[in-house]
Amino acid sequence: MLERIKNDATAAVTELLTAAKLKAGDLLVIGCSSSEMVGEKIGTHSSVDAAAALADAVLPLLRQAGCAAVLSG
């Protein structure tokens, strides 16, 4: 499941960087529910592992693009 989260997040942020034409200095705010990432109802199964998988996938991509990020759950 964590690999799926990483793969999906990588694909989504890669597509977003291109579609939104994000560039160095831009800020991306990502708000999501770790419960939903693991297939549960919002607020019922918080998962530090799911949140870490998301961060591990997207932060390097955003750093490489020169963008700042805020992850909120």
PDB file of N, CA and C in Angstrom:
ATOM      1  N   MET A   1       0.811  -1.184   0.000  1.00  0.00           N
ATOM      2  CA  MET A   1       0.000   0.000   0.000  1.00  0.00           C
ATOM      3  C   MET A   1       0.864   1.263   0.000  1.00  0.00           C
ATOM      4  N   LEU A   2       1.945   1.270   0.758  1.00  0.00           N
ATOM      5  CA  LEU A   2       2.796   2.453   0.814  1.00  0.00           C
ATOM      6  C   LEU A   2       3.472   2.719  -0.525  1.00  0.00           C
ATOM      7  N   GLU A   3       3.831   1.670  -1.242  1.00  0.00           N
ATOM      8  CA  GLU A   3       4.414   1.843  -2.577  1.00  0.00           C
ATOM      9  C   GLU A   3       3.400   2.470  -3.517  1.00  0.00           C
ATOM     10  N   ARG A   4       2.133   2.065  -3.408  1.00  0.00           N
ATOM     11  CA  ARG A   4       1.080   2.642  -4.241  1.00  0.00           C
ATOM     12  C   ARG A   4       0.926   4.126  -3.943  1.00  0.00           C
ATOM     13  N   ILE A   5       0.963   4.486  -2.659  1.00  0.00           N
ATOM     14  CA  ILE A   5       0.868   5.895  -2.277  1.00  0.00           C
ATOM     15  C   ILE A   5       2.025   6.679  -2.889  1.00  0.00           C
ATOM     16  N   LYS A   6       3.238   6.146  -2.778  1.00  0.00           N
ATOM     17  CA  LYS A   6       4.404   6.825  -3.347  1.00  0.00           C
ATOM     18  C   LYS A   6       4.274   6.977  -4.857  1.00  0.00           C
ATOM     19  N   ASN A   7       3.883   5.903  -5.536  1.00  0.00           N
ATOM     20  CA  ASN A   7       3.762   5.942  -6.995  1.00  0.00           C
ATOM     21  C   ASN A   7       2.681   6.915  -7.443  1.00  0.00           C
ATOM     22  N   ASP A   8       1.524   6.866  -6.787  1.00  0.00           N
ATOM     23  CA  ASP A   8       0.426   7.766  -7.146  1.00  0.00           C
ATOM     24  C   ASP A   8       0.801   9.217  -6.884  1.00  0.00           C
ATOM     25  N   ALA A   9       1.448   9.473  -5.749  1.00  0.00           N
ATOM     26  CA  ALA A   9       1.842  10.843  -5.400  1.00  0.00           C
ATOM     27  C   ALA A   9       2.887  11.368  -6.378  1.00  0.00           C
ATOM     28  N   THR A  10       3.841  10.532  -6.737  1.00  0.00           N
ATOM     29  CA  THR A  10       4.868  10.929  -7.705  1.00  0.00           C
ATOM     30  C   THR A  10       4.234  11.297  -9.035  1.00  0.00           C
ATOM     31  N   ALA A  11       3.324  10.455  -9.509  1.00  0.00           N
ATOM     32  CA  ALA A  11       2.656  10.723 -10.785  1.00  0.00           C
ATOM     33  C   ALA A  11       1.829  12.006 -10.719  1.00  0.00           C
ATOM     34  N   ALA A  12       1.097  12.195  -9.635  1.00  0.00           N
ATOM     35  CA  ALA A  12       0.242  13.374  -9.505  1.00  0.00           C
ATOM     36  C   ALA A  12       1.056  14.665  -9.457  1.00  0.00           C
ATOM     37  N   VAL A  13       2.116  14.680  -8.669  1.00  0.00           N
ATOM     38  CA  VAL A  13       2.915  15.903  -8.541  1.00  0.00           C
ATOM     39  C   VAL A  13       3.700  16.172  -9.819  1.00  0.00           C
ATOM     40  N   THR A  14       4.173  15.145 -10.477  1.00  0.00           N
ATOM     41  CA  THR A  14       4.871  15.326 -11.750  1.00  0.00           C
ATOM     42  C   THR A  14       3.938  15.965 -12.770  1.00  0.00           C
ATOM     43  N   GLU A  15       2.715  15.460 -12.835  1.00  0.00           N
ATOM     44  CA  GLU A  15       1.723  16.023 -13.756  1.00  0.00           C
ATOM     45  C   GLU A  15       1.377  17.467 -13.362  1.00  0.00           C
ATOM     46  N   LEU A  16       1.216  17.712 -12.069  1.00  0.00           N
ATOM     47  CA  LEU A  16       0.875  19.047 -11.594  1.00  0.00           C
ATOM     48  C   LEU A  16       1.983  20.051 -11.892  1.00  0.00           C
ATOM     49  N   LEU A  17       3.229  19.661 -11.683  1.00  0.00           N
ATOM     50  CA  LEU A  17       4.346  20.567 -11.966  1.00  0.00           C
ATOM     51  C   LEU A  17       4.318  21.037 -13.419  1.00  0.00           C
ATOM     52  N   THR A  18       3.966  20.137 -14.311  1.00  0.00           N
ATOM     53  CA  THR A  18       3.902  20.472 -15.726  1.00  0.00           C
ATOM     54  C   THR A  18       2.656  21.294 -16.048  1.00  0.00           C
ATOM     55  N   ALA A  19       1.498  20.808 -15.616  1.00  0.00           N
ATOM     56  CA  ALA A  19       0.234  21.467 -15.962  1.00  0.00           C
ATOM     57  C   ALA A  19       0.121  22.865 -15.358  1.00  0.00           C
ATOM     58  N   ALA A  20       0.576  23.026 -14.132  1.00  0.00           N
ATOM     59  CA  ALA A  20       0.472  24.321 -13.451  1.00  0.00           C
ATOM     60  C   ALA A  20       1.652  25.232 -13.767  1.00  0.00           C
ATOM     61  N   LYS A  21       2.619  24.699 -14.509  1.00  0.00           N
ATOM     62  CA  LYS A  21       3.821  25.461 -14.857  1.00  0.00           C
ATOM     63  C   LYS A  21       4.483  26.039 -13.608  1.00  0.00           C
ATOM     64  N   LEU A  22       4.543  25.206 -12.557  1.00  0.00           N
ATOM     65  CA  LEU A  22       5.202  25.643 -11.322  1.00  0.00           C
ATOM     66  C   LEU A  22       6.684  25.835 -11.593  1.00  0.00           C
ATOM     67  N   LYS A  23       7.236  26.851 -10.956  1.00  0.00           N
ATOM     68  CA  LYS A  23       8.645  27.164 -11.177  1.00  0.00           C
ATOM     69  C   LYS A  23       9.308  27.481  -9.844  1.00  0.00           C
ATOM     70  N   ALA A  24      10.588  27.647  -9.884  1.00  0.00           N
ATOM     71  CA  ALA A  24      11.358  27.933  -8.672  1.00  0.00           C
ATOM     72  C   ALA A  24      10.750  29.117  -7.927  1.00  0.00           C
ATOM     73  N   GLY A  25      10.601  28.940  -6.629  1.00  0.00           N
ATOM     74  CA  GLY A  25      10.041  29.975  -5.785  1.00  0.00           C
ATOM     75  C   GLY A  25       8.551  29.845  -5.538  1.00  0.00           C
ATOM     76  N   ASP A  26       7.865  29.016  -6.334  1.00  0.00           N
ATOM     77  CA  ASP A  26       6.435  28.806  -6.136  1.00  0.00           C
ATOM     78  C   ASP A  26       6.200  27.937  -4.903  1.00  0.00           C
ATOM     79  N   LEU A  27       5.007  28.052  -4.348  1.00  0.00           N
ATOM     80  CA  LEU A  27       4.612  27.288  -3.168  1.00  0.00           C
ATOM     81  C   LEU A  27       3.480  26.351  -3.541  1.00  0.00           C
ATOM     82  N   LEU A  28       3.593  25.114  -3.136  1.00  0.00           N
ATOM     83  CA  LEU A  28       2.535  24.132  -3.342  1.00  0.00           C
ATOM     84  C   LEU A  28       2.044  23.667  -1.980  1.00  0.00           C
ATOM     85  N   VAL A  29       0.749  23.781  -1.752  1.00  0.00           N
ATOM     86  CA  VAL A  29       0.140  23.305  -0.514  1.00  0.00           C
ATOM     87  C   VAL A  29      -0.604  22.023  -0.833  1.00  0.00           C
ATOM     88  N   ILE A  30      -0.273  20.952  -0.100  1.00  0.00           N
ATOM     89  CA  ILE A  30      -0.921  19.666  -0.298  1.00  0.00           C
ATOM     90  C   ILE A  30      -1.687  19.345   0.975  1.00  0.00           C
ATOM     91  N   GLY A  31      -2.989  19.255   0.865  1.00  0.00           N
ATOM     92  CA  GLY A  31      -3.823  18.889   1.996  1.00  0.00           C
ATOM     93  C   GLY A  31      -4.485  17.550   1.702  1.00  0.00           C
ATOM     94  N   CYS A  32      -4.369  16.632   2.624  1.00  0.00           N
ATOM     95  CA  CYS A  32      -4.957  15.324   2.382  1.00  0.00           C
ATOM     96  C   CYS A  32      -5.169  14.596   3.703  1.00  0.00           C
ATOM     97  N   SER A  33      -5.943  13.555   3.630  1.00  0.00           N
ATOM     98  CA  SER A  33      -6.233  12.731   4.797  1.00  0.00           C
ATOM     99  C   SER A  33      -5.452  11.427   4.689  1.00  0.00           C
ATOM    100  N   SER A  34      -4.611  11.158   5.683  1.00  0.00           N
ATOM    101  CA  SER A  34      -3.881   9.883   5.647  1.00  0.00           C
ATOM    102  C   SER A  34      -4.851   8.719   5.797  1.00  0.00           C
ATOM    103  N   SER A  35      -5.964   8.945   6.472  1.00  0.00           N
ATOM    104  CA  SER A  35      -6.990   7.889   6.574  1.00  0.00           C
ATOM    105  C   SER A  35      -7.501   7.519   5.185  1.00  0.00           C
ATOM    106  N   GLU A  36      -7.798   8.536   4.370  1.00  0.00           N
ATOM    107  CA  GLU A  36      -8.275   8.260   3.016  1.00  0.00           C
ATOM    108  C   GLU A  36      -7.203   7.599   2.161  1.00  0.00           C
ATOM    109  N   MET A  37      -5.945   7.968   2.394  1.00  0.00           N
ATOM    110  CA  MET A  37      -4.874   7.350   1.612  1.00  0.00           C
ATOM    111  C   MET A  37      -4.794   5.849   1.849  1.00  0.00           C
ATOM    112  N   VAL A  38      -5.230   5.390   3.020  1.00  0.00           N
ATOM    113  CA  VAL A  38      -5.198   3.953   3.301  1.00  0.00           C
ATOM    114  C   VAL A  38      -6.569   3.318   3.120  1.00  0.00           C
ATOM    115  N   GLY A  39      -7.501   4.067   2.479  1.00  0.00           N
ATOM    116  CA  GLY A  39      -8.793   3.498   2.123  1.00  0.00           C
ATOM    117  C   GLY A  39      -9.864   3.565   3.201  1.00  0.00           C
ATOM    118  N   GLU A  40      -9.693   4.434   4.166  1.00  0.00           N
ATOM    119  CA  GLU A  40     -10.658   4.539   5.260  1.00  0.00           C
ATOM    120  C   GLU A  40     -11.338   5.909   5.249  1.00  0.00           C
ATOM    121  N   LYS A  41     -12.323   6.073   6.101  1.00  0.00           N
ATOM    122  CA  LYS A  41     -13.054   7.329   6.224  1.00  0.00           C
ATOM    123  C   LYS A  41     -12.161   8.381   6.886  1.00  0.00           C
ATOM    124  N   ILE A  42     -12.307   9.622   6.432  1.00  0.00           N
ATOM    125  CA  ILE A  42     -11.512  10.730   6.986  1.00  0.00           C
ATOM    126  C   ILE A  42     -11.585  10.731   8.506  1.00  0.00           C
ATOM    127  N   GLY A  43     -10.411  10.828   9.122  1.00  0.00           N
ATOM    128  CA  GLY A  43     -10.330  10.961  10.565  1.00  0.00           C
ATOM    129  C   GLY A  43     -10.467   9.689  11.369  1.00  0.00           C
ATOM    130  N   THR A  44     -10.515   8.541  10.698  1.00  0.00           N
ATOM    131  CA  THR A  44     -10.738   7.297  11.442  1.00  0.00           C
ATOM    132  C   THR A  44      -9.505   6.411  11.560  1.00  0.00           C
ATOM    133  N   HIS A  45      -8.540   6.561  10.676  1.00  0.00           N
ATOM    134  CA  HIS A  45      -7.357   5.686  10.678  1.00  0.00           C
ATOM    135  C   HIS A  45      -6.113   6.472  10.292  1.00  0.00           C
ATOM    136  N   SER A  46      -5.789   7.498  11.049  1.00  0.00           N
ATOM    137  CA  SER A  46      -4.601   8.298  10.745  1.00  0.00           C
ATOM    138  C   SER A  46      -3.379   7.396  10.634  1.00  0.00           C
ATOM    139  N   SER A  47      -2.536   7.692   9.666  1.00  0.00           N
ATOM    140  CA  SER A  47      -1.391   6.834   9.410  1.00  0.00           C
ATOM    141  C   SER A  47      -0.127   7.667   9.194  1.00  0.00           C
ATOM    142  N   VAL A  48       0.769   7.598  10.156  1.00  0.00           N
ATOM    143  CA  VAL A  48       2.064   8.277  10.014  1.00  0.00           C
ATOM    144  C   VAL A  48       2.833   7.674   8.844  1.00  0.00           C
ATOM    145  N   ASP A  49       2.720   6.372   8.646  1.00  0.00           N
ATOM    146  CA  ASP A  49       3.428   5.710   7.548  1.00  0.00           C
ATOM    147  C   ASP A  49       2.937   6.208   6.190  1.00  0.00           C
ATOM    148  N   ALA A  50       1.631   6.389   6.046  1.00  0.00           N
ATOM    149  CA  ALA A  50       1.077   6.897   4.788  1.00  0.00           C
ATOM    150  C   ALA A  50       1.533   8.331   4.557  1.00  0.00           C
ATOM    151  N   ALA A  51       1.508   9.146   5.603  1.00  0.00           N
ATOM    152  CA  ALA A  51       1.964  10.531   5.478  1.00  0.00           C
ATOM    153  C   ALA A  51       3.436  10.584   5.100  1.00  0.00           C
ATOM    154  N   ALA A  52       4.245   9.732   5.702  1.00  0.00           N
ATOM    155  CA  ALA A  52       5.675   9.685   5.387  1.00  0.00           C
ATOM    156  C   ALA A  52       5.903   9.242   3.947  1.00  0.00           C
ATOM    157  N   ALA A  53       5.108   8.285   3.471  1.00  0.00           N
ATOM    158  CA  ALA A  53       5.240   7.823   2.085  1.00  0.00           C
ATOM    159  C   ALA A  53       4.946   8.964   1.120  1.00  0.00           C
ATOM    160  N   LEU A  54       3.921   9.745   1.417  1.00  0.00           N
ATOM    161  CA  LEU A  54       3.579  10.896   0.583  1.00  0.00           C
ATOM    162  C   LEU A  54       4.725  11.902   0.588  1.00  0.00           C
ATOM    163  N   ALA A  55       5.206  12.248   1.748  1.00  0.00           N
ATOM    164  CA  ALA A  55       6.304  13.224   1.861  1.00  0.00           C
ATOM    165  C   ALA A  55       7.556  12.722   1.151  1.00  0.00           C
ATOM    166  N   ASP A  56       7.885  11.452   1.344  1.00  0.00           N
ATOM    167  CA  ASP A  56       9.077  10.880   0.706  1.00  0.00           C
ATOM    168  C   ASP A  56       8.991  10.944  -0.815  1.00  0.00           C
ATOM    169  N   ALA A  57       7.775  10.847  -1.345  1.00  0.00           N
ATOM    170  CA  ALA A  57       7.591  10.855  -2.796  1.00  0.00           C
ATOM    171  C   ALA A  57       7.628  12.264  -3.371  1.00  0.00           C
ATOM    172  N   VAL A  58       6.935  13.201  -2.722  1.00  0.00           N
ATOM    173  CA  VAL A  58       6.753  14.504  -3.356  1.00  0.00           C
ATOM    174  C   VAL A  58       7.812  15.557  -3.005  1.00  0.00           C
ATOM    175  N   LEU A  59       8.354  15.503  -1.807  1.00  0.00           N
ATOM    176  CA  LEU A  59       9.306  16.551  -1.427  1.00  0.00           C
ATOM    177  C   LEU A  59      10.547  16.597  -2.317  1.00  0.00           C
ATOM    178  N   PRO A  60      11.148  15.454  -2.673  1.00  0.00           N
ATOM    179  CA  PRO A  60      12.308  15.531  -3.583  1.00  0.00           C
ATOM    180  C   PRO A  60      11.960  16.144  -4.945  1.00  0.00           C
ATOM    181  N   LEU A  61      10.781  15.837  -5.461  1.00  0.00           N
ATOM    182  CA  LEU A  61      10.363  16.401  -6.747  1.00  0.00           C
ATOM    183  C   LEU A  61      10.215  17.917  -6.655  1.00  0.00           C
ATOM    184  N   LEU A  62       9.623  18.375  -5.565  1.00  0.00           N
ATOM    185  CA  LEU A  62       9.416  19.806  -5.389  1.00  0.00           C
ATOM    186  C   LEU A  62      10.731  20.533  -5.133  1.00  0.00           C
ATOM    187  N   ARG A  63      11.613  19.915  -4.365  1.00  0.00           N
ATOM    188  CA  ARG A  63      12.937  20.513  -4.146  1.00  0.00           C
ATOM    189  C   ARG A  63      13.688  20.656  -5.471  1.00  0.00           C
ATOM    190  N   GLN A  64      13.621  19.606  -6.277  1.00  0.00           N
ATOM    191  CA  GLN A  64      14.301  19.627  -7.574  1.00  0.00           C
ATOM    192  C   GLN A  64      13.751  20.748  -8.457  1.00  0.00           C
ATOM    193  N   ALA A  65      12.463  21.009  -8.355  1.00  0.00           N
ATOM    194  CA  ALA A  65      11.834  22.081  -9.144  1.00  0.00           C
ATOM    195  C   ALA A  65      12.055  23.451  -8.503  1.00  0.00           C
ATOM    196  N   GLY A  66      12.596  23.468  -7.280  1.00  0.00           N
ATOM    197  CA  GLY A  66      12.838  24.728  -6.599  1.00  0.00           C
ATOM    198  C   GLY A  66      11.601  25.285  -5.915  1.00  0.00           C
ATOM    199  N   CYS A  67      10.591  24.457  -5.755  1.00  0.00           N
ATOM    200  CA  CYS A  67       9.337  24.886  -5.125  1.00  0.00           C
ATOM    201  C   CYS A  67       9.358  24.580  -3.642  1.00  0.00           C
ATOM    202  N   ALA A  68       8.671  25.391  -2.886  1.00  0.00           N
ATOM    203  CA  ALA A  68       8.478  25.123  -1.457  1.00  0.00           C
ATOM    204  C   ALA A  68       7.180  24.327  -1.321  1.00  0.00           C
ATOM    205  N   ALA A  69       7.061  23.589  -0.219  1.00  0.00           N
ATOM    206  CA  ALA A  69       5.872  22.774  -0.036  1.00  0.00           C
ATOM    207  C   ALA A  69       5.375  22.872   1.393  1.00  0.00           C
ATOM    208  N   VAL A  70       4.068  22.781   1.529  1.00  0.00           N
ATOM    209  CA  VAL A  70       3.415  22.665   2.825  1.00  0.00           C
ATOM    210  C   VAL A  70       2.527  21.432   2.736  1.00  0.00           C
ATOM    211  N   LEU A  71       2.756  20.466   3.615  1.00  0.00           N
ATOM    212  CA  LEU A  71       1.915  19.284   3.656  1.00  0.00           C
ATOM    213  C   LEU A  71       1.018  19.400   4.875  1.00  0.00           C
ATOM    214  N   SER A  72      -0.275  19.264   4.662  1.00  0.00           N
ATOM    215  CA  SER A  72      -1.240  19.433   5.736  1.00  0.00           C
ATOM    216  C   SER A  72      -2.228  18.290   5.713  1.00  0.00           C
ATOM    217  N   GLY A  73      -2.489  17.749   6.877  1.00  0.00           N
ATOM    218  CA  GLY A  73      -3.441  16.637   6.921  1.00  0.00           C
ATOM    219  C   GLY A  73      -4.445  16.813   8.005  1.00  0.00           C
TER     220      GLY A  73
END
